[in-house]
Amino acid sequence: MSTSTFSAAHRRYVKSLYRRMLTDSLNWTIHRELWRRRALVIRAEFERNRNVHDPRELAVIFDKAEADLARNQHPDPVICELNLVGPMLLSLIHPPAPLFPGGTKWYVSAFFLTRCRA
């Protein structure tokens, strides 16, 4: 079992920063093959700073990473199609009866269109 000098909050912050950087880079790229190269560069940056234990140096690294993320953030990020909110959600709650013959009812449960038998 390895001991870590970092708190759980620090690890959560680093994971969150890593995920945000990957998500933002995916917003800029259409093809996954091209995005994968950028993902490997991001991973290499995190691995390069893995053994930094000085809190002041870490603060500088985090500030630089957050500034880079804010500067390069995509102006129109991709939003998942399963994010059913607003009018789209309301249109799925009560669909017309002829669309679903045989007594099948449709309802929305936790962002997914699901089916149940009446």
PDB file of N, CA and C in Angstrom:
ATOM      1  N   MET A   1       0.840  -1.172   0.000  1.00  0.00           N
ATOM      2  CA  MET A   1       0.000   0.000   0.000  1.00  0.00           C
ATOM      3  C   MET A   1       0.886   1.236   0.000  1.00  0.00           C
ATOM      4  N   SER A   2       0.677   2.118  -0.940  1.00  0.00           N
ATOM      5  CA  SER A   2       1.500   3.316  -1.033  1.00  0.00           C
ATOM      6  C   SER A   2       0.856   4.454  -0.260  1.00  0.00           C
ATOM      7  N   THR A   3       1.677   5.258   0.355  1.00  0.00           N
ATOM      8  CA  THR A   3       1.165   6.417   1.073  1.00  0.00           C
ATOM      9  C   THR A   3       1.300   7.637   0.186  1.00  0.00           C
ATOM     10  N   SER A   4       0.335   8.522   0.291  1.00  0.00           N
ATOM     11  CA  SER A   4       0.323   9.717  -0.539  1.00  0.00           C
ATOM     12  C   SER A   4       0.355  10.945   0.354  1.00  0.00           C
ATOM     13  N   THR A   5       1.091  11.949  -0.078  1.00  0.00           N
ATOM     14  CA  THR A   5       1.165  13.195   0.687  1.00  0.00           C
ATOM     15  C   THR A   5       0.028  14.132   0.321  1.00  0.00           C
ATOM     16  N   PHE A   6      -0.793  13.751  -0.651  1.00  0.00           N
ATOM     17  CA  PHE A   6      -1.867  14.618  -1.111  1.00  0.00           C
ATOM     18  C   PHE A   6      -3.206  14.175  -0.541  1.00  0.00           C
ATOM     19  N   SER A   7      -4.070  15.142  -0.316  1.00  0.00           N
ATOM     20  CA  SER A   7      -5.391  14.843   0.235  1.00  0.00           C
ATOM     21  C   SER A   7      -6.324  14.350  -0.865  1.00  0.00           C
ATOM     22  N   ALA A   8      -7.456  13.844  -0.441  1.00  0.00           N
ATOM     23  CA  ALA A   8      -8.468  13.388  -1.394  1.00  0.00           C
ATOM     24  C   ALA A   8      -8.990  14.569  -2.220  1.00  0.00           C
ATOM     25  N   ALA A   9      -9.102  15.734  -1.605  1.00  0.00           N
ATOM     26  CA  ALA A   9      -9.570  16.921  -2.327  1.00  0.00           C
ATOM     27  C   ALA A   9      -8.585  17.308  -3.430  1.00  0.00           C
ATOM     28  N   HIS A  10      -7.301  17.172  -3.163  1.00  0.00           N
ATOM     29  CA  HIS A  10      -6.284  17.476  -4.172  1.00  0.00           C
ATOM     30  C   HIS A  10      -6.396  16.510  -5.351  1.00  0.00           C
ATOM     31  N   ARG A  11      -6.551  15.231  -5.058  1.00  0.00           N
ATOM     32  CA  ARG A  11      -6.690  14.239  -6.134  1.00  0.00           C
ATOM     33  C   ARG A  11      -7.949  14.482  -6.954  1.00  0.00           C
ATOM     34  N   ARG A  12      -9.056  14.829  -6.279  1.00  0.00           N
ATOM     35  CA  ARG A  12     -10.297  15.147  -7.002  1.00  0.00           C
ATOM     36  C   ARG A  12     -10.107  16.346  -7.912  1.00  0.00           C
ATOM     37  N   TYR A  13      -9.395  17.367  -7.433  1.00  0.00           N
ATOM     38  CA  TYR A  13      -9.162  18.565  -8.240  1.00  0.00           C
ATOM     39  C   TYR A  13      -8.320  18.233  -9.471  1.00  0.00           C
ATOM     40  N   VAL A  14      -7.283  17.439  -9.306  1.00  0.00           N
ATOM     41  CA  VAL A  14      -6.423  17.062 -10.433  1.00  0.00           C
ATOM     42  C   VAL A  14      -7.216  16.239 -11.446  1.00  0.00           C
ATOM     43  N   LYS A  15      -8.031  15.287 -10.966  1.00  0.00           N
ATOM     44  CA  LYS A  15      -8.864  14.490 -11.871  1.00  0.00           C
ATOM     45  C   LYS A  15      -9.859  15.364 -12.612  1.00  0.00           C
ATOM     46  N   SER A  16     -10.449  16.307 -11.907  1.00  0.00           N
ATOM     47  CA  SER A  16     -11.417  17.216 -12.526  1.00  0.00           C
ATOM     48  C   SER A  16     -10.746  18.081 -13.596  1.00  0.00           C
ATOM     49  N   LEU A  17      -9.571  18.592 -13.281  1.00  0.00           N
ATOM     50  CA  LEU A  17      -8.829  19.398 -14.250  1.00  0.00           C
ATOM     51  C   LEU A  17      -8.473  18.575 -15.482  1.00  0.00           C
ATOM     52  N   TYR A  18      -8.037  17.353 -15.280  1.00  0.00           N
ATOM     53  CA  TYR A  18      -7.688  16.459 -16.386  1.00  0.00           C
ATOM     54  C   TYR A  18      -8.909  16.185 -17.266  1.00  0.00           C
ATOM     55  N   ARG A  19     -10.036  15.860 -16.643  1.00  0.00           N
ATOM     56  CA  ARG A  19     -11.260  15.586 -17.405  1.00  0.00           C
ATOM     57  C   ARG A  19     -11.736  16.818 -18.165  1.00  0.00           C
ATOM     58  N   ARG A  20     -11.667  17.985 -17.526  1.00  0.00           N
ATOM     59  CA  ARG A  20     -12.089  19.219 -18.206  1.00  0.00           C
ATOM     60  C   ARG A  20     -11.208  19.517 -19.409  1.00  0.00           C
ATOM     61  N   MET A  21      -9.904  19.274 -19.271  1.00  0.00           N
ATOM     62  CA  MET A  21      -8.999  19.501 -20.400  1.00  0.00           C
ATOM     63  C   MET A  21      -9.281  18.525 -21.538  1.00  0.00           C
ATOM     64  N   LEU A  22      -9.541  17.257 -21.208  1.00  0.00           N
ATOM     65  CA  LEU A  22      -9.873  16.274 -22.245  1.00  0.00           C
ATOM     66  C   LEU A  22     -11.188  16.623 -22.939  1.00  0.00           C
ATOM     67  N   THR A  23     -12.186  16.994 -22.157  1.00  0.00           N
ATOM     68  CA  THR A  23     -13.486  17.348 -22.729  1.00  0.00           C
ATOM     69  C   THR A  23     -13.377  18.556 -23.640  1.00  0.00           C
ATOM     70  N   ASP A  24     -12.632  19.562 -23.198  1.00  0.00           N
ATOM     71  CA  ASP A  24     -12.483  20.752 -24.031  1.00  0.00           C
ATOM     72  C   ASP A  24     -11.715  20.449 -25.309  1.00  0.00           C
ATOM     73  N   SER A  25     -10.701  19.618 -25.230  1.00  0.00           N
ATOM     74  CA  SER A  25      -9.963  19.269 -26.450  1.00  0.00           C
ATOM     75  C   SER A  25     -10.839  18.453 -27.397  1.00  0.00           C
ATOM     76  N   LEU A  26     -11.750  17.654 -26.863  1.00  0.00           N
ATOM     77  CA  LEU A  26     -12.680  16.894 -27.692  1.00  0.00           C
ATOM     78  C   LEU A  26     -13.679  17.823 -28.383  1.00  0.00           C
ATOM     79  N   ASN A  27     -14.014  18.937 -27.743  1.00  0.00           N
ATOM     80  CA  ASN A  27     -14.904  19.916 -28.371  1.00  0.00           C
ATOM     81  C   ASN A  27     -14.278  20.548 -29.608  1.00  0.00           C
ATOM     82  N   TRP A  28     -12.960  20.627 -29.650  1.00  0.00           N
ATOM     83  CA  TRP A  28     -12.271  21.249 -30.778  1.00  0.00           C
ATOM     84  C   TRP A  28     -12.017  20.286 -31.922  1.00  0.00           C
ATOM     85  N   THR A  29     -12.164  18.988 -31.687  1.00  0.00           N
ATOM     86  CA  THR A  29     -11.795  17.986 -32.680  1.00  0.00           C
ATOM     87  C   THR A  29     -13.006  17.174 -33.103  1.00  0.00           C
ATOM     88  N   ILE A  30     -13.130  16.925 -34.393  1.00  0.00           N
ATOM     89  CA  ILE A  30     -14.260  16.146 -34.902  1.00  0.00           C
ATOM     90  C   ILE A  30     -13.947  14.659 -34.847  1.00  0.00           C
ATOM     91  N   HIS A  31     -12.780  14.274 -35.294  1.00  0.00           N
ATOM     92  CA  HIS A  31     -12.418  12.861 -35.382  1.00  0.00           C
ATOM     93  C   HIS A  31     -11.670  12.406 -34.134  1.00  0.00           C
ATOM     94  N   ARG A  32     -12.058  11.255 -33.614  1.00  0.00           N
ATOM     95  CA  ARG A  32     -11.420  10.717 -32.409  1.00  0.00           C
ATOM     96  C   ARG A  32      -9.943  10.405 -32.612  1.00  0.00           C
ATOM     97  N   GLU A  33      -9.560  10.010 -33.816  1.00  0.00           N
ATOM     98  CA  GLU A  33      -8.151   9.681 -34.068  1.00  0.00           C
ATOM     99  C   GLU A  33      -7.273  10.919 -33.866  1.00  0.00           C
ATOM    100  N   LEU A  34      -7.763  12.057 -34.327  1.00  0.00           N
ATOM    101  CA  LEU A  34      -7.008  13.299 -34.150  1.00  0.00           C
ATOM    102  C   LEU A  34      -7.035  13.745 -32.686  1.00  0.00           C
ATOM    103  N   TRP A  35      -8.173  13.537 -32.036  1.00  0.00           N
ATOM    104  CA  TRP A  35      -8.288  13.932 -30.638  1.00  0.00           C
ATOM    105  C   TRP A  35      -7.378  13.085 -29.754  1.00  0.00           C
ATOM    106  N   ARG A  36      -7.217  11.829 -30.099  1.00  0.00           N
ATOM    107  CA  ARG A  36      -6.396  10.934 -29.283  1.00  0.00           C
ATOM    108  C   ARG A  36      -4.959  11.439 -29.164  1.00  0.00           C
ATOM    109  N   ARG A  37      -4.445  12.018 -30.248  1.00  0.00           N
ATOM    110  CA  ARG A  37      -3.079  12.584 -30.182  1.00  0.00           C
ATOM    111  C   ARG A  37      -3.008  13.703 -29.150  1.00  0.00           C
ATOM    112  N   ARG A  38      -4.022  14.571 -29.161  1.00  0.00           N
ATOM    113  CA  ARG A  38      -4.051  15.678 -28.201  1.00  0.00           C
ATOM    114  C   ARG A  38      -4.226  15.134 -26.777  1.00  0.00           C
ATOM    115  N   ALA A  39      -5.025  14.076 -26.633  1.00  0.00           N
ATOM    116  CA  ALA A  39      -5.230  13.472 -25.316  1.00  0.00           C
ATOM    117  C   ALA A  39      -3.914  12.913 -24.766  1.00  0.00           C
ATOM    118  N   LEU A  40      -3.104  12.342 -25.638  1.00  0.00           N
ATOM    119  CA  LEU A  40      -1.805  11.822 -25.197  1.00  0.00           C
ATOM    120  C   LEU A  40      -0.871  12.948 -24.771  1.00  0.00           C
ATOM    121  N   VAL A  41      -0.946  14.093 -25.440  1.00  0.00           N
ATOM    122  CA  VAL A  41      -0.131  15.253 -25.056  1.00  0.00           C
ATOM    123  C   VAL A  41      -0.574  15.761 -23.681  1.00  0.00           C
ATOM    124  N   ILE A  42      -1.888  15.827 -23.458  1.00  0.00           N
ATOM    125  CA  ILE A  42      -2.404  16.271 -22.162  1.00  0.00           C
ATOM    126  C   ILE A  42      -1.959  15.305 -21.065  1.00  0.00           C
ATOM    127  N   ARG A  43      -2.058  14.020 -21.344  1.00  0.00           N
ATOM    128  CA  ARG A  43      -1.640  13.011 -20.365  1.00  0.00           C
ATOM    129  C   ARG A  43      -0.148  13.153 -20.044  1.00  0.00           C
ATOM    130  N   ALA A  44       0.661  13.408 -21.065  1.00  0.00           N
ATOM    131  CA  ALA A  44       2.097  13.572 -20.852  1.00  0.00           C
ATOM    132  C   ALA A  44       2.390  14.792 -19.973  1.00  0.00           C
ATOM    133  N   GLU A  45       1.625  15.869 -20.143  1.00  0.00           N
ATOM    134  CA  GLU A  45       1.807  17.046 -19.290  1.00  0.00           C
ATOM    135  C   GLU A  45       1.509  16.718 -17.835  1.00  0.00           C
ATOM    136  N   PHE A  46       0.445  15.962 -17.594  1.00  0.00           N
ATOM    137  CA  PHE A  46       0.115  15.586 -16.226  1.00  0.00           C
ATOM    138  C   PHE A  46       1.151  14.632 -15.653  1.00  0.00           C
ATOM    139  N   GLU A  47       1.617  13.693 -16.452  1.00  0.00           N
ATOM    140  CA  GLU A  47       2.638  12.749 -15.983  1.00  0.00           C
ATOM    141  C   GLU A  47       3.958  13.453 -15.681  1.00  0.00           C
ATOM    142  N   ARG A  48       4.289  14.470 -16.456  1.00  0.00           N
ATOM    143  CA  ARG A  48       5.533  15.199 -16.242  1.00  0.00           C
ATOM    144  C   ARG A  48       5.534  15.883 -14.870  1.00  0.00           C
ATOM    145  N   ASN A  49       4.371  16.327 -14.420  1.00  0.00           N
ATOM    146  CA  ASN A  49       4.275  17.028 -13.133  1.00  0.00           C
ATOM    147  C   ASN A  49       3.821  16.112 -12.000  1.00  0.00           C
ATOM    148  N   ARG A  50       3.830  14.834 -12.227  1.00  0.00           N
ATOM    149  CA  ARG A  50       3.344  13.870 -11.243  1.00  0.00           C
ATOM    150  C   ARG A  50       4.159  13.872  -9.953  1.00  0.00           C
ATOM    151  N   ASN A  51       5.450  14.068 -10.040  1.00  0.00           N
ATOM    152  CA  ASN A  51       6.326  13.972  -8.875  1.00  0.00           C
ATOM    153  C   ASN A  51       6.621  15.319  -8.228  1.00  0.00           C
ATOM    154  N   VAL A  52       5.850  16.332  -8.557  1.00  0.00           N
ATOM    155  CA  VAL A  52       6.020  17.648  -7.922  1.00  0.00           C
ATOM    156  C   VAL A  52       5.270  17.615  -6.602  1.00  0.00           C
ATOM    157  N   HIS A  53       5.982  17.920  -5.498  1.00  0.00           N
ATOM    158  CA  HIS A  53       5.377  17.866  -4.172  1.00  0.00           C
ATOM    159  C   HIS A  53       5.383  19.214  -3.467  1.00  0.00           C
ATOM    160  N   ASP A  54       6.051  20.202  -4.029  1.00  0.00           N
ATOM    161  CA  ASP A  54       6.105  21.530  -3.422  1.00  0.00           C
ATOM    162  C   ASP A  54       4.774  22.248  -3.645  1.00  0.00           C
ATOM    163  N   PRO A  55       4.067  22.637  -2.572  1.00  0.00           N
ATOM    164  CA  PRO A  55       2.755  23.282  -2.725  1.00  0.00           C
ATOM    165  C   PRO A  55       2.797  24.576  -3.543  1.00  0.00           C
ATOM    166  N   ARG A  56       3.862  25.348  -3.408  1.00  0.00           N
ATOM    167  CA  ARG A  56       3.963  26.597  -4.178  1.00  0.00           C
ATOM    168  C   ARG A  56       4.140  26.322  -5.661  1.00  0.00           C
ATOM    169  N   GLU A  57       4.959  25.346  -5.969  1.00  0.00           N
ATOM    170  CA  GLU A  57       5.173  24.985  -7.363  1.00  0.00           C
ATOM    171  C   GLU A  57       3.892  24.389  -7.967  1.00  0.00           C
ATOM    172  N   LEU A  58       3.178  23.583  -7.167  1.00  0.00           N
ATOM    173  CA  LEU A  58       1.910  23.031  -7.631  1.00  0.00           C
ATOM    174  C   LEU A  58       0.889  24.129  -7.897  1.00  0.00           C
ATOM    175  N   ALA A  59       0.861  25.150  -7.036  1.00  0.00           N
ATOM    176  CA  ALA A  59      -0.073  26.257  -7.230  1.00  0.00           C
ATOM    177  C   ALA A  59       0.215  26.980  -8.547  1.00  0.00           C
ATOM    178  N   VAL A  60       1.489  27.159  -8.863  1.00  0.00           N
ATOM    179  CA  VAL A  60       1.861  27.804 -10.127  1.00  0.00           C
ATOM    180  C   VAL A  60       1.441  26.933 -11.313  1.00  0.00           C
ATOM    181  N   ILE A  61       1.672  25.636 -11.206  1.00  0.00           N
ATOM    182  CA  ILE A  61       1.291  24.713 -12.287  1.00  0.00           C
ATOM    183  C   ILE A  61      -0.224  24.717 -12.485  1.00  0.00           C
ATOM    184  N   PHE A  62      -0.986  24.677 -11.380  1.00  0.00           N
ATOM    185  CA  PHE A  62      -2.449  24.678 -11.480  1.00  0.00           C
ATOM    186  C   PHE A  62      -2.972  25.988 -12.066  1.00  0.00           C
ATOM    187  N   ASP A  63      -2.387  27.096 -11.637  1.00  0.00           N
ATOM    188  CA  ASP A  63      -2.818  28.391 -12.184  1.00  0.00           C
ATOM    189  C   ASP A  63      -2.565  28.467 -13.680  1.00  0.00           C
ATOM    190  N   LYS A  64      -1.401  27.976 -14.111  1.00  0.00           N
ATOM    191  CA  LYS A  64      -1.080  27.974 -15.534  1.00  0.00           C
ATOM    192  C   LYS A  64      -2.044  27.071 -16.308  1.00  0.00           C
ATOM    193  N   ALA A  65      -2.350  25.898 -15.752  1.00  0.00           N
ATOM    194  CA  ALA A  65      -3.264  24.961 -16.421  1.00  0.00           C
ATOM    195  C   ALA A  65      -4.673  25.545 -16.517  1.00  0.00           C
ATOM    196  N   GLU A  66      -5.155  26.164 -15.441  1.00  0.00           N
ATOM    197  CA  GLU A  66      -6.482  26.777 -15.474  1.00  0.00           C
ATOM    198  C   GLU A  66      -6.531  27.935 -16.464  1.00  0.00           C
ATOM    199  N   ALA A  67      -5.456  28.728 -16.524  1.00  0.00           N
ATOM    200  CA  ALA A  67      -5.410  29.842 -17.478  1.00  0.00           C
ATOM    201  C   ALA A  67      -5.405  29.326 -18.912  1.00  0.00           C
ATOM    202  N   ASP A  68      -4.632  28.265 -19.173  1.00  0.00           N
ATOM    203  CA  ASP A  68      -4.624  27.668 -20.516  1.00  0.00           C
ATOM    204  C   ASP A  68      -6.000  27.121 -20.879  1.00  0.00           C
ATOM    205  N   LEU A  69      -6.643  26.480 -19.930  1.00  0.00           N
ATOM    206  CA  LEU A  69      -7.971  25.928 -20.171  1.00  0.00           C
ATOM    207  C   LEU A  69      -8.979  27.038 -20.461  1.00  0.00           C
ATOM    208  N   ALA A  70      -8.936  28.119 -19.690  1.00  0.00           N
ATOM    209  CA  ALA A  70      -9.860  29.236 -19.909  1.00  0.00           C
ATOM    210  C   ALA A  70      -9.586  29.928 -21.241  1.00  0.00           C
ATOM    211  N   ARG A  71      -8.313  30.068 -21.596  1.00  0.00           N
ATOM    212  CA  ARG A  71      -7.950  30.754 -22.836  1.00  0.00           C
ATOM    213  C   ARG A  71      -8.343  29.932 -24.064  1.00  0.00           C
ATOM    214  N   ASN A  72      -8.203  28.621 -23.985  1.00  0.00           N
ATOM    215  CA  ASN A  72      -8.461  27.761 -25.141  1.00  0.00           C
ATOM    216  C   ASN A  72      -9.851  27.141 -25.139  1.00  0.00           C
ATOM    217  N   GLN A  73     -10.717  27.570 -24.225  1.00  0.00           N
ATOM    218  CA  GLN A  73     -12.031  26.953 -24.121  1.00  0.00           C
ATOM    219  C   GLN A  73     -12.858  27.208 -25.383  1.00  0.00           C
ATOM    220  N   HIS A  74     -13.544  26.155 -25.826  1.00  0.00           N
ATOM    221  CA  HIS A  74     -14.349  26.227 -27.045  1.00  0.00           C
ATOM    222  C   HIS A  74     -15.561  27.132 -26.811  1.00  0.00           C
ATOM    223  N   PRO A  75     -15.851  28.057 -27.754  1.00  0.00           N
ATOM    224  CA  PRO A  75     -16.980  28.973 -27.563  1.00  0.00           C
ATOM    225  C   PRO A  75     -18.347  28.288 -27.685  1.00  0.00           C
ATOM    226  N   ASP A  76     -18.402  27.151 -28.378  1.00  0.00           N
ATOM    227  CA  ASP A  76     -19.664  26.441 -28.570  1.00  0.00           C
ATOM    228  C   ASP A  76     -19.431  24.954 -28.313  1.00  0.00           C
ATOM    229  N   PRO A  77     -19.366  24.543 -27.035  1.00  0.00           N
ATOM    230  CA  PRO A  77     -19.034  23.154 -26.726  1.00  0.00           C
ATOM    231  C   PRO A  77     -20.116  22.188 -27.181  1.00  0.00           C
ATOM    232  N   VAL A  78     -19.722  20.952 -27.404  1.00  0.00           N
ATOM    233  CA  VAL A  78     -20.647  19.902 -27.791  1.00  0.00           C
ATOM    234  C   VAL A  78     -21.469  19.514 -26.567  1.00  0.00           C
ATOM    235  N   ILE A  79     -22.787  19.419 -26.757  1.00  0.00           N
ATOM    236  CA  ILE A  79     -23.686  19.020 -25.680  1.00  0.00           C
ATOM    237  C   ILE A  79     -24.294  17.686 -26.074  1.00  0.00           C
ATOM    238  N   CYS A  80     -24.251  16.739 -25.165  1.00  0.00           N
ATOM    239  CA  CYS A  80     -24.757  15.399 -25.436  1.00  0.00           C
ATOM    240  C   CYS A  80     -26.221  15.445 -25.835  1.00  0.00           C
ATOM    241  N   GLU A  81     -26.592  14.651 -26.845  1.00  0.00           N
ATOM    242  CA  GLU A  81     -27.973  14.627 -27.318  1.00  0.00           C
ATOM    243  C   GLU A  81     -28.929  14.038 -26.301  1.00  0.00           C
ATOM    244  N   LEU A  82     -28.433  13.275 -25.363  1.00  0.00           N
ATOM    245  CA  LEU A  82     -29.291  12.665 -24.353  1.00  0.00           C
ATOM    246  C   LEU A  82     -29.612  13.618 -23.216  1.00  0.00           C
ATOM    247  N   ASN A  83     -29.098  14.833 -23.286  1.00  0.00           N
ATOM    248  CA  ASN A  83     -29.383  15.824 -22.265  1.00  0.00           C
ATOM    249  C   ASN A  83     -30.755  16.425 -22.561  1.00  0.00           C
ATOM    250  N   LEU A  84     -31.796  15.767 -22.086  1.00  0.00           N
ATOM    251  CA  LEU A  84     -33.162  16.162 -22.389  1.00  0.00           C
ATOM    252  C   LEU A  84     -33.620  17.240 -21.423  1.00  0.00           C
ATOM    253  N   VAL A  85     -33.657  18.474 -21.876  1.00  0.00           N
ATOM    254  CA  VAL A  85     -34.100  19.580 -21.045  1.00  0.00           C
ATOM    255  C   VAL A  85     -35.029  20.465 -21.854  1.00  0.00           C
ATOM    256  N   GLY A  86     -35.847  21.219 -21.158  1.00  0.00           N
ATOM    257  CA  GLY A  86     -36.699  22.214 -21.800  1.00  0.00           C
ATOM    258  C   GLY A  86     -37.758  21.605 -22.699  1.00  0.00           C
ATOM    259  N   PRO A  87     -38.015  22.231 -23.851  1.00  0.00           N
ATOM    260  CA  PRO A  87     -39.076  21.780 -24.748  1.00  0.00           C
ATOM    261  C   PRO A  87     -38.862  20.353 -25.262  1.00  0.00           C
ATOM    262  N   MET A  88     -37.613  19.953 -25.409  1.00  0.00           N
ATOM    263  CA  MET A  88     -37.338  18.602 -25.888  1.00  0.00           C
ATOM    264  C   MET A  88     -37.857  17.566 -24.896  1.00  0.00           C
ATOM    265  N   LEU A  89     -37.666  17.808 -23.608  1.00  0.00           N
ATOM    266  CA  LEU A  89     -38.151  16.899 -22.581  1.00  0.00           C
ATOM    267  C   LEU A  89     -39.671  16.863 -22.581  1.00  0.00           C
ATOM    268  N   LEU A  90     -40.304  18.024 -22.658  1.00  0.00           N
ATOM    269  CA  LEU A  90     -41.758  18.083 -22.609  1.00  0.00           C
ATOM    270  C   LEU A  90     -42.399  17.406 -23.811  1.00  0.00           C
ATOM    271  N   SER A  91     -41.724  17.417 -24.961  1.00  0.00           N
ATOM    272  CA  SER A  91     -42.303  16.793 -26.141  1.00  0.00           C
ATOM    273  C   SER A  91     -42.270  15.266 -26.047  1.00  0.00           C
ATOM    274  N   LEU A  92     -41.448  14.709 -25.182  1.00  0.00           N
ATOM    275  CA  LEU A  92     -41.350  13.259 -25.058  1.00  0.00           C
ATOM    276  C   LEU A  92     -42.247  12.684 -23.969  1.00  0.00           C
ATOM    277  N   ILE A  93     -42.784  13.523 -23.112  1.00  0.00           N
ATOM    278  CA  ILE A  93     -43.566  13.003 -21.996  1.00  0.00           C
ATOM    279  C   ILE A  93     -44.912  12.441 -22.474  1.00  0.00           C
ATOM    280  N   HIS A  94     -45.604  13.141 -23.363  1.00  0.00           N
ATOM    281  CA  HIS A  94     -46.919  12.707 -23.832  1.00  0.00           C
ATOM    282  C   HIS A  94     -46.917  12.562 -25.351  1.00  0.00           C
ATOM    283  N   PRO A  95     -46.377  11.471 -25.894  1.00  0.00           N
ATOM    284  CA  PRO A  95     -46.378  11.295 -27.349  1.00  0.00           C
ATOM    285  C   PRO A  95     -47.773  10.912 -27.848  1.00  0.00           C
ATOM    286  N   PRO A  96     -48.054  11.136 -29.124  1.00  0.00           N
ATOM    287  CA  PRO A  96     -49.356  10.752 -29.672  1.00  0.00           C
ATOM    288  C   PRO A  96     -49.548   9.240 -29.598  1.00  0.00           C
ATOM    289  N   ALA A  97     -50.767   8.800 -29.356  1.00  0.00           N
ATOM    290  CA  ALA A  97     -51.083   7.385 -29.184  1.00  0.00           C
ATOM    291  C   ALA A  97     -50.816   6.536 -30.425  1.00  0.00           C
ATOM    292  N   PRO A  98     -51.117   6.992 -31.681  1.00  0.00           N
ATOM    293  CA  PRO A  98     -50.925   6.123 -32.838  1.00  0.00           C
ATOM    294  C   PRO A  98     -49.469   5.701 -33.072  1.00  0.00           C
ATOM    295  N   LEU A  99     -48.519   6.411 -32.506  1.00  0.00           N
ATOM    296  CA  LEU A  99     -47.117   6.065 -32.729  1.00  0.00           C
ATOM    297  C   LEU A  99     -46.709   4.780 -32.019  1.00  0.00           C
ATOM    298  N   PHE A 100     -47.429   4.422 -30.947  1.00  0.00           N
ATOM    299  CA  PHE A 100     -47.025   3.278 -30.141  1.00  0.00           C
ATOM    300  C   PHE A 100     -48.196   2.306 -29.991  1.00  0.00           C
ATOM    301  N   PRO A 101     -48.457   1.467 -30.985  1.00  0.00           N
ATOM    302  CA  PRO A 101     -49.566   0.522 -30.888  1.00  0.00           C
ATOM    303  C   PRO A 101     -49.254  -0.614 -29.914  1.00  0.00           C
ATOM    304  N   GLY A 102     -50.283  -1.317 -29.496  1.00  0.00           N
ATOM    305  CA  GLY A 102     -50.090  -2.481 -28.638  1.00  0.00           C
ATOM    306  C   GLY A 102     -50.034  -2.165 -27.166  1.00  0.00           C
ATOM    307  N   GLY A 103     -50.454  -0.993 -26.759  1.00  0.00           N
ATOM    308  CA  GLY A 103     -50.497  -0.655 -25.340  1.00  0.00           C
ATOM    309  C   GLY A 103     -49.154  -0.318 -24.726  1.00  0.00           C
ATOM    310  N   THR A 104     -48.155  -0.011 -25.529  1.00  0.00           N
ATOM    311  CA  THR A 104     -46.845   0.342 -24.994  1.00  0.00           C
ATOM    312  C   THR A 104     -46.847   1.808 -24.599  1.00  0.00           C
ATOM    313  N   LYS A 105     -46.410   2.105 -23.392  1.00  0.00           N
ATOM    314  CA  LYS A 105     -46.303   3.486 -22.932  1.00  0.00           C
ATOM    315  C   LYS A 105     -44.828   3.873 -22.897  1.00  0.00           C
ATOM    316  N   TRP A 106     -44.566   5.121 -23.228  1.00  0.00           N
ATOM    317  CA  TRP A 106     -43.191   5.634 -23.204  1.00  0.00           C
ATOM    318  C   TRP A 106     -43.108   6.734 -22.160  1.00  0.00           C
ATOM    319  N   TYR A 107     -42.014   6.764 -21.454  1.00  0.00           N
ATOM    320  CA  TYR A 107     -41.798   7.829 -20.497  1.00  0.00           C
ATOM    321  C   TYR A 107     -40.310   8.124 -20.394  1.00  0.00           C
ATOM    322  N   VAL A 108     -39.976   9.263 -19.809  1.00  0.00           N
ATOM    323  CA  VAL A 108     -38.591   9.695 -19.685  1.00  0.00           C
ATOM    324  C   VAL A 108     -38.125   9.405 -18.269  1.00  0.00           C
ATOM    325  N   SER A 109     -37.005   8.726 -18.146  1.00  0.00           N
ATOM    326  CA  SER A 109     -36.450   8.391 -16.846  1.00  0.00           C
ATOM    327  C   SER A 109     -34.962   8.655 -16.859  1.00  0.00           C
ATOM    328  N   ALA A 110     -34.541   9.658 -16.115  1.00  0.00           N
ATOM    329  CA  ALA A 110     -33.121   9.967 -15.939  1.00  0.00           C
ATOM    330  C   ALA A 110     -32.396  10.092 -17.273  1.00  0.00           C
ATOM    331  N   PHE A 111     -32.860  10.954 -18.133  1.00  0.00           N
ATOM    332  CA  PHE A 111     -32.241  11.329 -19.410  1.00  0.00           C
ATOM    333  C   PHE A 111     -32.391  10.285 -20.514  1.00  0.00           C
ATOM    334  N   PHE A 112     -33.055   9.201 -20.291  1.00  0.00           N
ATOM    335  CA  PHE A 112     -33.170   8.186 -21.317  1.00  0.00           C
ATOM    336  C   PHE A 112     -34.629   7.901 -21.627  1.00  0.00           C
ATOM    337  N   LEU A 113     -34.927   7.707 -22.878  1.00  0.00           N
ATOM    338  CA  LEU A 113     -36.266   7.318 -23.288  1.00  0.00           C
ATOM    339  C   LEU A 113     -36.398   5.823 -23.057  1.00  0.00           C
ATOM    340  N   THR A 114     -37.298   5.451 -22.176  1.00  0.00           N
ATOM    341  CA  THR A 114     -37.449   4.044 -21.833  1.00  0.00           C
ATOM    342  C   THR A 114     -38.872   3.583 -22.136  1.00  0.00           C
ATOM    343  N   ARG A 115     -39.086   2.302 -22.216  1.00  0.00           N
ATOM    344  CA  ARG A 115     -40.384   1.751 -22.579  1.00  0.00           C
ATOM    345  C   ARG A 115     -40.844   0.777 -21.505  1.00  0.00           C
ATOM    346  N   CYS A 116     -42.157   0.775 -21.247  1.00  0.00           N
ATOM    347  CA  CYS A 116     -42.712  -0.193 -20.308  1.00  0.00           C
ATOM    348  C   CYS A 116     -44.057  -0.678 -20.850  1.00  0.00           C
ATOM    349  N   ARG A 117     -44.450  -1.857 -20.430  1.00  0.00           N
ATOM    350  CA  ARG A 117     -45.740  -2.420 -20.820  1.00  0.00           C
ATOM    351  C   ARG A 117     -46.816  -1.960 -19.836  1.00  0.00           C
ATOM    352  N   ALA A 118     -47.970  -1.595 -20.360  1.00  0.00           N
ATOM    353  CA  ALA A 118     -49.066  -1.133 -19.504  1.00  0.00           C
ATOM    354  C   ALA A 118     -49.813  -2.312 -18.911  1.00  0.00           C
TER     355      ALA A 118
END
